[in-house]
Amino acid sequence: MCHQSVGLIARAVEEAGIPTLCMTSAIDITKAVKPPRAVFVNFPLGHQTGKPNQPELQKRIVVDAMHEFEAIAQPGTIVELPYIWDANDRSWEERDYTKGWMPERPSKGAADREEAERRARYSS
């Protein structure tokens, strides 16, 4: 299902009193639709819950998303989870992102710090 439809459905479901969380890999569309709460994974479209055949990564992403589901208090919040598809090849971003919406790329040091913080926050 497309990101726009999911965001609009989430808003309607929330209006009915049921909390929702969108998992997105299309930050531009998600920001435009403004779902009640969302997590963004900077992976190619269709892979917002992880890479194929990597169940441990998929589990970590879903667990991190569920933590954010509990933590997000401000409507419209989009939390970027600190996962990188391939640190050595980000050419897919040129293909998948609308021009002008490319997310800021963290330096390796910043990405390593974010990963350490994520691990500390979610380990238990």
Foldseek 3Di string as FASTA:
>chain_A
DDPLVVQVVQQVVVVVVDHDEAQECAVVSCLVSQHQEYEHEVDAPPASQHDPPPVVSSVLSVLLSVVVSVVDDGGSYYHYQLDDPDPVDPPVQVVRYDPPPRDDDDDPVVSVVSVVVSCVVRPD
